[in-house]
Amino acid sequence: MGPESHKCLLFFIIGACLVAGGLGLGVNWGTISTHPLPPKIVVKLLKDNGFNKVKLFEADHGALTALGNSGIEVMVGIPNDLLATLAGSVQAAVNWVNQNVSGFVSRNGVDIRYVAVGNEPFLKDYGDRFTHTTFPALQNIQAALIKAGIAHKVKATVPLNADVYQSDTTLPSGGNFRADIHDLMISIVKFLNNNAAPLMVNIYPFLSLNSDPNFPIDFAFFEGASNPIVDGTLTYNNVFEANYDTLISALEKNGFPNLPVIIGEVGWPTDGAANANLKNARKFNQGLINRILQGKGTPKRRTPPDVYIFSLIDEDSKSVAPGNFERHWGMFYYDGGVKYQLNMGRGKSLVPAKRVKYLAKKWCVMSPQASPSNTSSVADSIGYACQFADCTSLGYGSSCGNLDARSNASYAFNMYYQTKNQSAGACNFNNMATITTTDPSQNGCRFEIMIDISKTPKNGSPPSSSSPPMSLQKMVGIILIFVAGTISFAP
């Protein structure tokens, strides 16, 4: 062992060698926002906080351009709505790779390492919508990478939800692929193995806790469980390890014991549900980062996987079909502000985005002369505001869920006003609203001021049509109800 090996071993002990030597810190960068941070600011945010791997959900050209010569490894996603086109034509795949991968590699110096074909295409909720197009699209993208001469460096894979596998014994050792897609999964796994590409899976302990009121809360985190799962000689103290090793068992059972696995998404939201808060998010993500820095694997597979934390920044236009929390997964607020502190290793903590330009320091609130007891008019105005702005923080158990009637209306009015760039006429609401220069934020409920997107370049491409901005009412049937004179949102 030479001097450099000794140095790397020392750095490994204090959590730095991983960043320098391959694993590093990965994160998802979503761009479905009404007021996105400029790509150059986001890339600086990534570098300032030690993230050297980033996953994009689509080939956003503004983001890719900003990532050129940044030293950050990039994964580029392909939305599900493109799978049919790519599956039906090798030339379509060649064109996509030329436009979104090889061109950026050669012209802009973007260090693209992966193409993520689709996004959880085999979710049970999708039925058979993508089961016949995902594998052919993967094959055609692989052929296109070969034709472009970059298949040795850029690997194609498919981001899968953890519901593609299950255990017939409730223990990780009983893991196998879901019966209805078993043969398809084996074909994909064999193809990945033949092309030296990893399998990618998204694991969400938060969703396990959120969907089951009887789920043991300590099992969702990394600090040990009062009732661990014992599987033969292996003991599981958290759902992350148990879930991951269920996949490893499925791979072993089907003849692929050594196929590399990437965790494409894992994280914890900060708002929009009772267990989605700053305290829990910090606890989970700190435990996750500690594992990454320590190079910790799982009981069944000691080699640690590459991990992409979900996510970097909040996205206020994401679909809320799964829940209001979908817009609050970021470790940073929409503007790159730090939500909670994390120890990132080597004595470093999170630092906020720099040189962000904001709209004027003014807010739209309910006028002192207006009465919240005018239930019909107030309800109509709030309903209208929340059709076009993000009101998910008003939900039950959320950061603004305990506002009184007046403040509840003010929050909705302000979100609309900010989303509309503080434009003239956006703070009226049947003469019930007025503009103030006094920050109305209170008791952990933030009344936002949006980024001034007129002063900064926009991202290079709009959100994919597979994940369109949708109104709160349309997606989750938000109903305005009045309880003891207070306006609240009930899912």
Protein backbone atom coordinates (compact mmCIF):
# COMPACT_ATOMS: atom_id res chain seq x y z
CA MET A 1 0.00 0.00 0.00
CA GLY A 2 1.63 3.23 -1.24
CA PRO A 3 1.49 6.75 0.22
CA GLU A 4 -1.63 7.67 -1.78
CA SER A 5 -3.43 4.58 -0.50
CA HIS A 6 -2.60 5.51 3.08
CA LYS A 7 -3.87 9.02 2.41
CA CYS A 8 -7.10 7.71 0.92
CA LEU A 9 -7.60 5.35 3.85
CA LEU A 10 -7.20 8.29 6.25
CA PHE A 11 -9.68 10.36 4.28
CA PHE A 12 -12.08 7.44 4.16
CA ILE A 13 -12.14 7.35 7.92
CA ILE A 14 -13.19 10.98 8.12
CA GLY A 15 -15.64 10.65 5.24
CA ALA A 16 -13.78 12.34 2.39
CA CYS A 17 -12.32 9.54 0.33
CA LEU A 18 -15.75 8.51 -0.91
CA VAL A 19 -16.28 11.91 -2.50
CA ALA A 20 -12.91 11.73 -4.19
CA GLY A 21 -13.03 8.06 -5.09
CA GLY A 22 -16.35 7.22 -6.72
CA LEU A 23 -19.39 7.09 -4.48
CA GLY A 24 -19.65 10.74 -3.55
CA LEU A 25 -22.87 12.57 -2.82
CA GLY A 26 -25.63 12.36 -5.41
CA VAL A 27 -28.86 14.34 -5.53
CA ASN A 28 -31.94 14.75 -7.74
CA TRP A 29 -32.51 18.13 -9.38
CA GLY A 30 -36.13 18.64 -10.38
CA THR A 31 -37.24 21.65 -12.41
CA ILE A 32 -41.05 21.61 -12.23
CA SER A 33 -41.35 25.05 -10.65
CA THR A 34 -43.15 28.29 -11.45
CA HIS A 35 -40.01 30.27 -10.51
CA PRO A 36 -36.99 28.01 -10.99
CA LEU A 37 -33.56 28.98 -9.81
CA PRO A 38 -31.24 29.82 -12.72
CA PRO A 39 -29.23 26.72 -13.69
CA LYS A 40 -25.86 28.39 -13.06
CA ILE A 41 -26.93 29.21 -9.50
CA VAL A 42 -28.06 25.61 -8.96
CA VAL A 43 -24.75 24.20 -10.21
CA LYS A 44 -22.90 26.53 -7.84
CA LEU A 45 -25.22 25.33 -5.05
CA LEU A 46 -24.36 21.72 -5.88
CA LYS A 47 -20.62 22.38 -5.82
CA ASP A 48 -20.71 24.52 -2.68
CA ASN A 49 -22.42 21.67 -0.82
CA GLY A 50 -20.25 18.81 -2.04
CA PHE A 51 -22.69 17.12 -4.41
CA ASN A 52 -20.66 15.63 -7.23
CA LYS A 53 -23.42 13.59 -8.86
CA VAL A 54 -26.77 14.87 -10.07
CA LYS A 55 -29.82 13.23 -11.60
CA LEU A 56 -32.07 15.16 -14.00
CA PHE A 57 -35.55 13.90 -14.79
CA GLU A 58 -35.32 15.11 -18.36
CA ALA A 59 -32.79 16.60 -20.72
CA ASP A 60 -33.23 20.19 -19.61
CA HIS A 61 -30.82 22.02 -21.91
CA GLY A 62 -30.34 24.95 -19.56
CA ALA A 63 -29.34 22.62 -16.75
CA LEU A 64 -27.09 20.55 -19.00
CA THR A 65 -25.33 23.62 -20.36
CA ALA A 66 -24.69 24.91 -16.84
CA LEU A 67 -23.27 21.51 -15.83
CA GLY A 68 -20.61 21.69 -18.56
CA ASN A 69 -17.05 21.39 -17.21
CA SER A 70 -18.43 21.48 -13.66
CA GLY A 71 -16.80 18.27 -12.44
CA ILE A 72 -20.28 16.93 -11.59
CA GLU A 73 -21.34 13.53 -12.93
CA VAL A 74 -24.75 13.67 -14.61
CA MET A 75 -27.65 11.29 -15.11
CA VAL A 76 -30.14 12.41 -17.77
CA GLY A 77 -33.73 11.17 -17.58
CA ILE A 78 -36.23 10.33 -20.29
CA PRO A 79 -39.89 10.99 -19.34
CA ASN A 80 -42.39 8.17 -19.66
CA ASP A 81 -44.32 9.96 -22.40
CA LEU A 82 -41.34 9.52 -24.74
CA LEU A 83 -41.05 5.75 -24.24
CA ALA A 84 -43.44 4.77 -27.01
CA THR A 85 -41.65 6.95 -29.57
CA LEU A 86 -38.22 5.65 -28.58
CA ALA A 87 -39.45 2.05 -28.48
CA GLY A 88 -40.87 2.29 -31.98
CA SER A 89 -37.82 3.69 -33.75
CA VAL A 90 -34.09 3.22 -33.39
CA GLN A 91 -33.65 6.45 -35.34
CA ALA A 92 -35.75 8.32 -32.78
CA ALA A 93 -33.41 7.00 -30.08
CA VAL A 94 -30.38 8.01 -32.14
CA ASN A 95 -31.79 11.51 -32.57
CA TRP A 96 -32.54 11.80 -28.85
CA VAL A 97 -29.03 10.71 -27.86
CA ASN A 98 -27.43 13.06 -30.38
CA GLN A 99 -29.48 16.04 -29.20
CA ASN A 100 -29.40 15.40 -25.45
CA VAL A 101 -26.31 13.33 -24.65
CA SER A 102 -23.46 13.11 -27.13
CA GLY A 103 -23.82 16.74 -28.21
CA PHE A 104 -23.51 18.00 -24.64
CA VAL A 105 -20.62 15.63 -23.94
CA SER A 106 -18.60 16.78 -26.96
CA ARG A 107 -19.55 20.47 -27.19
CA ASN A 108 -20.17 21.45 -23.56
CA GLY A 109 -17.98 19.07 -21.59
CA VAL A 110 -20.91 17.63 -19.63
CA ASP A 111 -19.85 14.50 -17.72
CA ILE A 112 -22.91 12.38 -18.53
CA ARG A 113 -22.63 8.88 -17.03
CA TYR A 114 -26.18 7.51 -17.22
CA VAL A 115 -29.37 7.76 -19.23
CA ALA A 116 -32.41 6.93 -17.10
CA VAL A 117 -35.02 5.47 -19.46
CA GLY A 118 -38.46 6.28 -18.06
CA ASN A 119 -39.39 7.02 -14.48
CA GLU A 120 -40.90 4.20 -12.41
CA PRO A 121 -42.74 2.89 -15.51
CA PHE A 122 -43.98 -0.30 -13.84
CA LEU A 123 -45.84 1.35 -10.97
CA LYS A 124 -48.96 -0.65 -10.22
CA ASP A 125 -51.00 2.54 -10.63
CA TYR A 126 -49.93 2.70 -14.29
CA GLY A 127 -51.26 -0.76 -15.10
CA ASP A 128 -49.83 -1.91 -18.45
CA ARG A 129 -49.39 1.61 -19.81
CA PHE A 130 -45.60 1.34 -20.14
CA THR A 131 -44.90 -2.39 -19.80
CA HIS A 132 -44.64 -2.94 -23.56
CA THR A 133 -42.51 0.11 -24.40
CA THR A 134 -39.94 0.42 -21.60
CA PHE A 135 -37.65 -2.48 -22.54
CA PRO A 136 -37.65 -1.73 -26.30
CA ALA A 137 -36.91 1.93 -25.50
CA LEU A 138 -34.01 0.82 -23.28
CA GLN A 139 -32.67 -1.40 -26.05
CA ASN A 140 -32.90 1.37 -28.64
CA ILE A 141 -31.22 3.92 -26.38
CA GLN A 142 -28.41 1.43 -25.79
CA ALA A 143 -28.04 0.95 -29.56
CA ALA A 144 -27.94 4.73 -29.97
CA LEU A 145 -25.22 5.09 -27.33
CA ILE A 146 -23.19 2.44 -29.14
CA LYS A 147 -23.66 4.20 -32.46
CA ALA A 148 -22.55 7.50 -30.89
CA GLY A 149 -19.39 5.79 -29.61
CA ILE A 150 -20.07 6.59 -25.95
CA ALA A 151 -21.56 3.34 -24.62
CA HIS A 152 -18.32 2.56 -22.79
CA LYS A 153 -18.86 5.64 -20.62
CA VAL A 154 -22.61 6.35 -20.66
CA LYS A 155 -24.81 3.53 -19.35
CA ALA A 156 -28.55 3.17 -19.91
CA THR A 157 -30.80 1.94 -17.11
CA VAL A 158 -34.41 2.17 -15.90
CA PRO A 159 -35.40 3.90 -12.62
CA LEU A 160 -37.80 1.49 -10.90
CA ASN A 161 -40.11 1.88 -7.97
CA ALA A 162 -39.57 -0.59 -5.15
CA ASP A 163 -42.95 -2.14 -5.90
CA VAL A 164 -41.36 -4.16 -8.76
CA TYR A 165 -40.25 -6.66 -6.12
CA GLN A 166 -41.80 -8.12 -2.99
CA SER A 167 -41.24 -10.81 -0.39
CA ASP A 168 -43.38 -13.92 -0.15
CA THR A 169 -42.27 -14.41 3.46
CA THR A 170 -42.30 -10.77 4.71
CA LEU A 171 -38.53 -11.19 5.18
CA PRO A 172 -35.83 -9.79 2.85
CA SER A 173 -34.63 -13.31 2.05
CA GLY A 174 -38.01 -14.05 0.46
CA GLY A 175 -37.58 -11.32 -2.14
CA ASN A 176 -38.51 -11.87 -5.76
CA PHE A 177 -39.78 -9.79 -8.66
CA ARG A 178 -43.50 -9.11 -8.89
CA ALA A 179 -45.29 -12.01 -10.53
CA ASP A 180 -47.03 -9.96 -13.23
CA ILE A 181 -43.75 -8.49 -14.53
CA HIS A 182 -41.32 -11.23 -13.46
CA ASP A 183 -40.28 -12.31 -16.95
CA LEU A 184 -40.00 -8.69 -18.12
CA MET A 185 -37.81 -7.81 -15.14
CA ILE A 186 -35.53 -10.78 -15.81
CA SER A 187 -35.15 -9.64 -19.43
CA ILE A 188 -34.25 -6.12 -18.32
CA VAL A 189 -31.86 -7.33 -15.60
CA LYS A 190 -30.12 -9.67 -18.05
CA PHE A 191 -29.81 -6.82 -20.57
CA LEU A 192 -28.32 -4.49 -17.96
CA ASN A 193 -25.90 -7.18 -16.83
CA ASN A 194 -24.77 -7.84 -20.42
CA ASN A 195 -24.11 -4.14 -20.96
CA ALA A 196 -22.31 -3.56 -17.63
CA ALA A 197 -25.08 -1.23 -16.50
CA PRO A 198 -26.60 -0.98 -13.00
CA LEU A 199 -30.15 -1.60 -11.89
CA MET A 200 -31.80 1.48 -10.38
CA VAL A 201 -34.45 1.50 -7.67
CA ASN A 202 -36.22 4.23 -5.69
CA ILE A 203 -36.79 3.54 -1.99
CA TYR A 204 -39.03 5.72 0.19
CA PRO A 205 -39.23 4.91 3.91
CA PHE A 206 -41.40 8.03 4.32
CA LEU A 207 -44.09 6.50 2.12
CA SER A 208 -44.07 3.32 4.21
CA LEU A 209 -44.72 5.40 7.31
CA ASN A 210 -47.18 7.75 5.63
CA SER A 211 -49.37 4.99 4.19
CA ASP A 212 -49.59 2.79 7.28
CA PRO A 213 -50.62 4.25 10.66
CA ASN A 214 -49.29 1.11 12.36
CA PHE A 215 -45.83 1.31 10.80
CA PRO A 216 -43.18 1.56 13.57
CA ILE A 217 -41.77 5.08 13.25
CA ASP A 218 -38.30 4.19 14.52
CA PHE A 219 -37.97 1.59 11.73
CA ALA A 220 -38.22 4.41 9.15
CA PHE A 221 -34.97 6.03 10.34
CA PHE A 222 -31.38 4.86 10.80
CA GLU A 223 -30.88 5.03 14.54
CA GLY A 224 -32.02 1.51 15.39
CA ALA A 225 -35.44 -0.03 15.95
CA SER A 226 -37.01 -1.34 19.13
CA ASN A 227 -38.27 -4.37 17.21
CA PRO A 228 -35.72 -5.23 14.49
CA ILE A 229 -36.41 -7.79 11.80
CA VAL A 230 -34.34 -10.95 12.21
CA ASP A 231 -33.86 -12.89 8.98
CA GLY A 232 -31.70 -15.93 9.68
CA THR A 233 -28.29 -14.61 10.68
CA LEU A 234 -29.09 -11.06 9.49
CA THR A 235 -30.74 -8.32 11.53
CA TYR A 236 -32.51 -5.28 10.09
CA ASN A 237 -32.93 -2.11 12.11
CA ASN A 238 -34.48 0.05 9.38
CA VAL A 239 -36.80 -0.30 6.42
CA PHE A 240 -34.22 1.09 3.97
CA GLU A 241 -31.88 -1.88 4.49
CA ALA A 242 -34.73 -4.40 4.59
CA ASN A 243 -36.19 -3.03 1.35
CA TYR A 244 -32.83 -2.91 -0.43
CA ASP A 245 -31.91 -6.45 0.61
CA THR A 246 -35.29 -7.71 -0.62
CA LEU A 247 -34.14 -6.55 -4.05
CA ILE A 248 -30.73 -8.17 -3.58
CA SER A 249 -32.49 -11.44 -2.70
CA ALA A 250 -34.58 -11.14 -5.86
CA LEU A 251 -31.42 -10.68 -7.93
CA GLU A 252 -29.68 -13.60 -6.24
CA LYS A 253 -32.71 -15.84 -6.68
CA ASN A 254 -32.74 -15.17 -10.41
CA GLY A 255 -29.03 -15.62 -11.05
CA PHE A 256 -27.65 -12.06 -10.82
CA PRO A 257 -26.02 -11.88 -7.36
CA ASN A 258 -23.42 -9.26 -8.33
CA LEU A 259 -25.41 -6.81 -10.47
CA PRO A 260 -24.64 -3.26 -9.27
CA VAL A 261 -27.59 -1.32 -7.85
CA ILE A 262 -28.12 2.44 -7.70
CA ILE A 263 -30.59 4.11 -5.33
CA GLY A 264 -32.10 6.62 -7.72
CA GLU A 265 -34.30 8.38 -5.17
CA VAL A 266 -34.45 8.36 -1.38
CA GLY A 267 -35.24 11.20 0.98
CA TRP A 268 -37.82 12.80 3.27
CA PRO A 269 -40.24 15.72 2.68
CA THR A 270 -40.66 18.68 5.02
CA ASP A 271 -44.30 19.64 4.55
CA GLY A 272 -47.66 18.50 3.26
CA ALA A 273 -48.29 15.61 5.71
CA ALA A 274 -48.21 14.97 9.44
CA ASN A 275 -44.82 13.19 9.38
CA ALA A 276 -43.38 15.50 6.74
CA ASN A 277 -41.58 18.15 8.78
CA LEU A 278 -38.16 19.71 9.23
CA LYS A 279 -37.26 17.58 12.26
CA ASN A 280 -37.97 14.23 10.59
CA ALA A 281 -36.38 15.27 7.30
CA ARG A 282 -33.19 16.34 9.03
CA LYS A 283 -33.09 13.15 11.08
CA PHE A 284 -33.56 10.93 8.04
CA ASN A 285 -31.24 12.74 5.64
CA GLN A 286 -28.48 13.11 8.22
CA GLY A 287 -28.62 9.38 8.85
CA LEU A 288 -28.55 8.76 5.11
CA ILE A 289 -25.58 11.08 4.53
CA ASN A 290 -23.71 9.48 7.42
CA ARG A 291 -24.14 6.09 5.75
CA ILE A 292 -22.85 7.45 2.44
CA LEU A 293 -19.81 9.10 4.01
CA GLN A 294 -19.03 5.97 6.03
CA GLY A 295 -19.35 3.71 2.98
CA LYS A 296 -21.92 1.59 4.75
CA GLY A 297 -23.69 -1.18 2.88
CA THR A 298 -26.49 -3.45 4.04
CA PRO A 299 -26.52 -6.77 5.91
CA LYS A 300 -26.75 -8.76 2.66
CA ARG A 301 -24.54 -6.58 0.45
CA ARG A 302 -21.68 -4.84 2.23
CA THR A 303 -20.65 -2.83 -0.83
CA PRO A 304 -22.51 0.50 -0.56
CA PRO A 305 -24.71 1.55 -3.47
CA ASP A 306 -24.52 4.86 -5.26
CA VAL A 307 -27.26 7.04 -3.75
CA TYR A 308 -29.10 10.05 -5.18
CA ILE A 309 -30.93 11.96 -2.44
CA PHE A 310 -34.39 13.19 -3.27
CA SER A 311 -34.24 16.03 -3.59
CA LEU A 312 -32.27 19.25 -3.91
CA ILE A 313 -34.95 21.95 -4.22
CA ASP A 314 -38.72 22.16 -3.68
CA GLU A 315 -40.88 22.15 -6.82
CA ASP A 316 -44.13 24.09 -6.51
CA SER A 317 -45.69 22.85 -9.76
CA LYS A 318 -45.25 19.10 -9.28
CA SER A 319 -48.28 16.87 -9.43
CA VAL A 320 -49.70 16.29 -5.96
CA ALA A 321 -51.50 13.09 -6.93
CA PRO A 322 -49.47 11.03 -4.39
CA GLY A 323 -49.95 13.71 -1.70
CA ASN A 324 -49.33 17.37 -0.87
CA PHE A 325 -45.83 16.45 0.30
CA GLU A 326 -44.73 15.96 -3.32
CA ARG A 327 -43.82 19.65 -3.56
CA HIS A 328 -41.66 19.64 -0.42
CA TRP A 329 -38.91 17.03 -0.82
CA GLY A 330 -36.07 19.53 -1.15
CA MET A 331 -33.24 19.94 1.33
CA PHE A 332 -33.44 23.54 0.14
CA TYR A 333 -36.42 25.80 -0.34
CA TYR A 334 -37.48 26.84 -3.85
CA ASP A 335 -34.94 29.70 -3.72
CA GLY A 336 -32.00 27.61 -2.53
CA GLY A 337 -32.42 28.65 1.10
CA VAL A 338 -31.32 26.05 3.67
CA LYS A 339 -34.28 24.35 5.34
CA TYR A 340 -32.32 22.58 8.08
CA GLN A 341 -28.67 22.02 8.78
CA LEU A 342 -26.84 18.83 7.88
CA ASN A 343 -23.30 17.71 8.63
CA MET A 344 -21.93 17.05 5.16
CA GLY A 345 -18.60 15.66 6.36
CA ARG A 346 -15.20 17.28 6.76
CA GLY A 347 -16.75 19.81 9.13
CA LYS A 348 -18.97 21.31 6.44
CA SER A 349 -22.64 22.24 6.73
CA LEU A 350 -25.18 23.17 4.07
CA VAL A 351 -24.82 26.64 2.58
CA PRO A 352 -27.55 28.50 0.66
CA ALA A 353 -27.68 29.55 -2.97
CA LYS A 354 -25.91 32.78 -3.78
CA ARG A 355 -26.84 35.81 -5.91
CA VAL A 356 -30.56 35.00 -6.02
CA LYS A 357 -32.73 37.88 -7.26
CA TYR A 358 -36.13 38.33 -5.60
CA LEU A 359 -39.29 40.26 -6.30
CA ALA A 360 -39.96 43.32 -4.11
CA LYS A 361 -40.46 42.82 -0.36
CA LYS A 362 -44.22 43.02 -0.37
CA TRP A 363 -47.00 40.55 0.32
CA CYS A 364 -50.69 40.26 -0.51
CA VAL A 365 -52.91 39.71 2.54
CA MET A 366 -56.56 39.95 3.49
CA SER A 367 -57.57 43.56 3.96
CA PRO A 368 -58.29 44.67 7.55
CA GLN A 369 -61.66 45.90 6.31
CA ALA A 370 -62.58 42.49 4.86
CA SER A 371 -64.34 39.93 7.01
CA PRO A 372 -63.39 36.23 6.93
CA SER A 373 -66.95 35.46 8.07
CA ASN A 374 -68.13 36.20 4.52
CA THR A 375 -67.74 32.51 3.90
CA SER A 376 -68.96 32.22 0.32
CA SER A 377 -66.85 35.07 -1.09
CA VAL A 378 -63.74 34.07 0.88
CA ALA A 379 -64.07 30.42 -0.09
CA ASP A 380 -64.44 31.30 -3.77
CA SER A 381 -61.40 33.60 -3.65
CA ILE A 382 -59.21 31.06 -1.87
CA GLY A 383 -60.34 28.33 -4.25
CA TYR A 384 -59.43 30.50 -7.21
CA ALA A 385 -56.01 31.40 -5.76
CA CYS A 386 -55.15 27.79 -5.06
CA GLN A 387 -56.04 26.69 -8.57
CA PHE A 388 -53.02 28.64 -9.83
CA ALA A 389 -50.66 28.68 -6.84
CA ASP A 390 -49.21 26.17 -4.39
CA CYS A 391 -51.35 25.98 -1.24
CA THR A 392 -50.11 22.60 -0.05
CA SER A 393 -48.61 24.09 3.13
CA LEU A 394 -52.17 24.84 4.32
CA GLY A 395 -53.03 21.16 4.56
CA TYR A 396 -53.77 19.34 7.81
CA GLY A 397 -50.57 18.71 9.77
CA SER A 398 -48.56 21.04 7.52
CA SER A 399 -46.49 24.08 8.41
CA CYS A 400 -49.38 26.51 7.82
CA GLY A 401 -52.18 24.18 8.89
CA ASN A 402 -52.93 26.05 12.13
CA LEU A 403 -53.54 29.53 10.76
CA ASP A 404 -56.70 31.38 11.72
CA ALA A 405 -59.28 32.22 9.09
CA ARG A 406 -57.80 35.61 8.15
CA SER A 407 -54.22 34.34 7.90
CA ASN A 408 -55.38 31.28 5.98
CA ALA A 409 -56.93 33.49 3.33
CA SER A 410 -53.89 35.77 3.35
CA TYR A 411 -51.58 32.84 2.67
CA ALA A 412 -53.59 31.77 -0.36
CA PHE A 413 -53.84 35.34 -1.66
CA ASN A 414 -50.10 35.85 -1.28
CA MET A 415 -49.13 32.62 -3.02
CA TYR A 416 -51.25 33.65 -6.00
CA TYR A 417 -49.81 37.18 -5.96
CA GLN A 418 -46.24 35.89 -5.88
CA THR A 419 -46.88 33.23 -8.51
CA LYS A 420 -48.20 36.00 -10.75
CA ASN A 421 -44.94 37.95 -10.21
CA GLN A 422 -46.65 40.57 -8.00
CA SER A 423 -48.40 41.89 -11.10
CA ALA A 424 -50.91 44.70 -10.92
CA GLY A 425 -54.38 43.35 -10.24
CA ALA A 426 -53.12 40.07 -8.75
CA CYS A 427 -53.91 41.28 -5.23
CA ASN A 428 -57.59 42.13 -5.37
CA PHE A 429 -59.86 39.15 -4.74
CA ASN A 430 -63.13 41.06 -4.88
CA ASN A 431 -61.58 43.97 -2.94
CA MET A 432 -60.80 41.68 0.02
CA ALA A 433 -56.98 41.89 -0.33
CA THR A 434 -54.33 44.54 0.11
CA ILE A 435 -50.55 44.82 -0.25
CA THR A 436 -48.32 45.07 2.82
CA THR A 437 -44.57 45.53 3.33
CA THR A 438 -44.69 43.80 6.72
CA ASP A 439 -43.77 40.12 6.52
CA PRO A 440 -46.87 38.15 7.65
CA SER A 441 -44.91 34.91 8.27
CA GLN A 442 -45.75 33.38 11.64
CA ASN A 443 -45.13 30.31 13.80
CA GLY A 444 -43.11 28.40 11.21
CA CYS A 445 -45.44 29.33 8.33
CA ARG A 446 -43.47 31.12 5.59
CA PHE A 447 -45.20 33.71 3.40
CA GLU A 448 -42.97 33.54 0.35
CA ILE A 449 -41.54 36.13 -1.98
CA MET A 450 -40.76 34.58 -5.33
CA ILE A 451 -37.58 34.70 -7.39
CA ASP A 452 -37.55 37.48 -9.95
CA ILE A 453 -37.35 35.38 -13.09
CA SER A 454 -37.39 38.49 -15.29
CA LYS A 455 -33.82 39.25 -14.22
CA THR A 456 -32.41 35.78 -14.72
CA PRO A 457 -32.35 33.35 -17.66
CA LYS A 458 -34.93 30.61 -17.53
CA ASN A 459 -34.12 26.90 -17.70
CA GLY A 460 -33.58 25.66 -21.21
CA SER A 461 -36.70 23.53 -21.61
CA PRO A 462 -40.15 23.48 -20.03
CA PRO A 463 -41.41 20.78 -17.66
CA SER A 464 -42.20 17.51 -19.41
CA SER A 465 -45.78 16.86 -20.37
CA SER A 466 -45.53 13.61 -18.39
CA SER A 467 -45.40 15.65 -15.18
CA PRO A 468 -47.49 18.76 -15.90
CA PRO A 469 -48.16 21.54 -13.42
CA MET A 470 -51.62 20.84 -12.05
CA SER A 471 -53.89 22.72 -9.71
CA LEU A 472 -54.34 21.55 -6.17
CA GLN A 473 -58.09 21.20 -6.52
CA LYS A 474 -57.88 19.13 -9.69
CA MET A 475 -55.27 16.73 -8.36
CA VAL A 476 -56.45 15.92 -4.85
CA GLY A 477 -59.94 17.33 -4.66
CA ILE A 478 -59.10 19.93 -2.04
CA ILE A 479 -62.31 21.03 -0.37
CA LEU A 480 -62.72 24.28 1.49
CA ILE A 481 -64.47 23.66 4.77
CA PHE A 482 -65.31 25.85 7.69
CA VAL A 483 -64.77 24.50 11.18
CA ALA A 484 -65.55 26.79 14.09
CA GLY A 485 -65.13 29.80 11.85
CA THR A 486 -61.68 28.73 10.55
CA ILE A 487 -60.96 27.97 6.91
CA SER A 488 -58.99 24.78 6.51
CA PHE A 489 -58.04 22.41 3.72
CA ALA A 490 -59.20 18.83 3.89
CA PRO A 491 -57.85 16.28 1.47
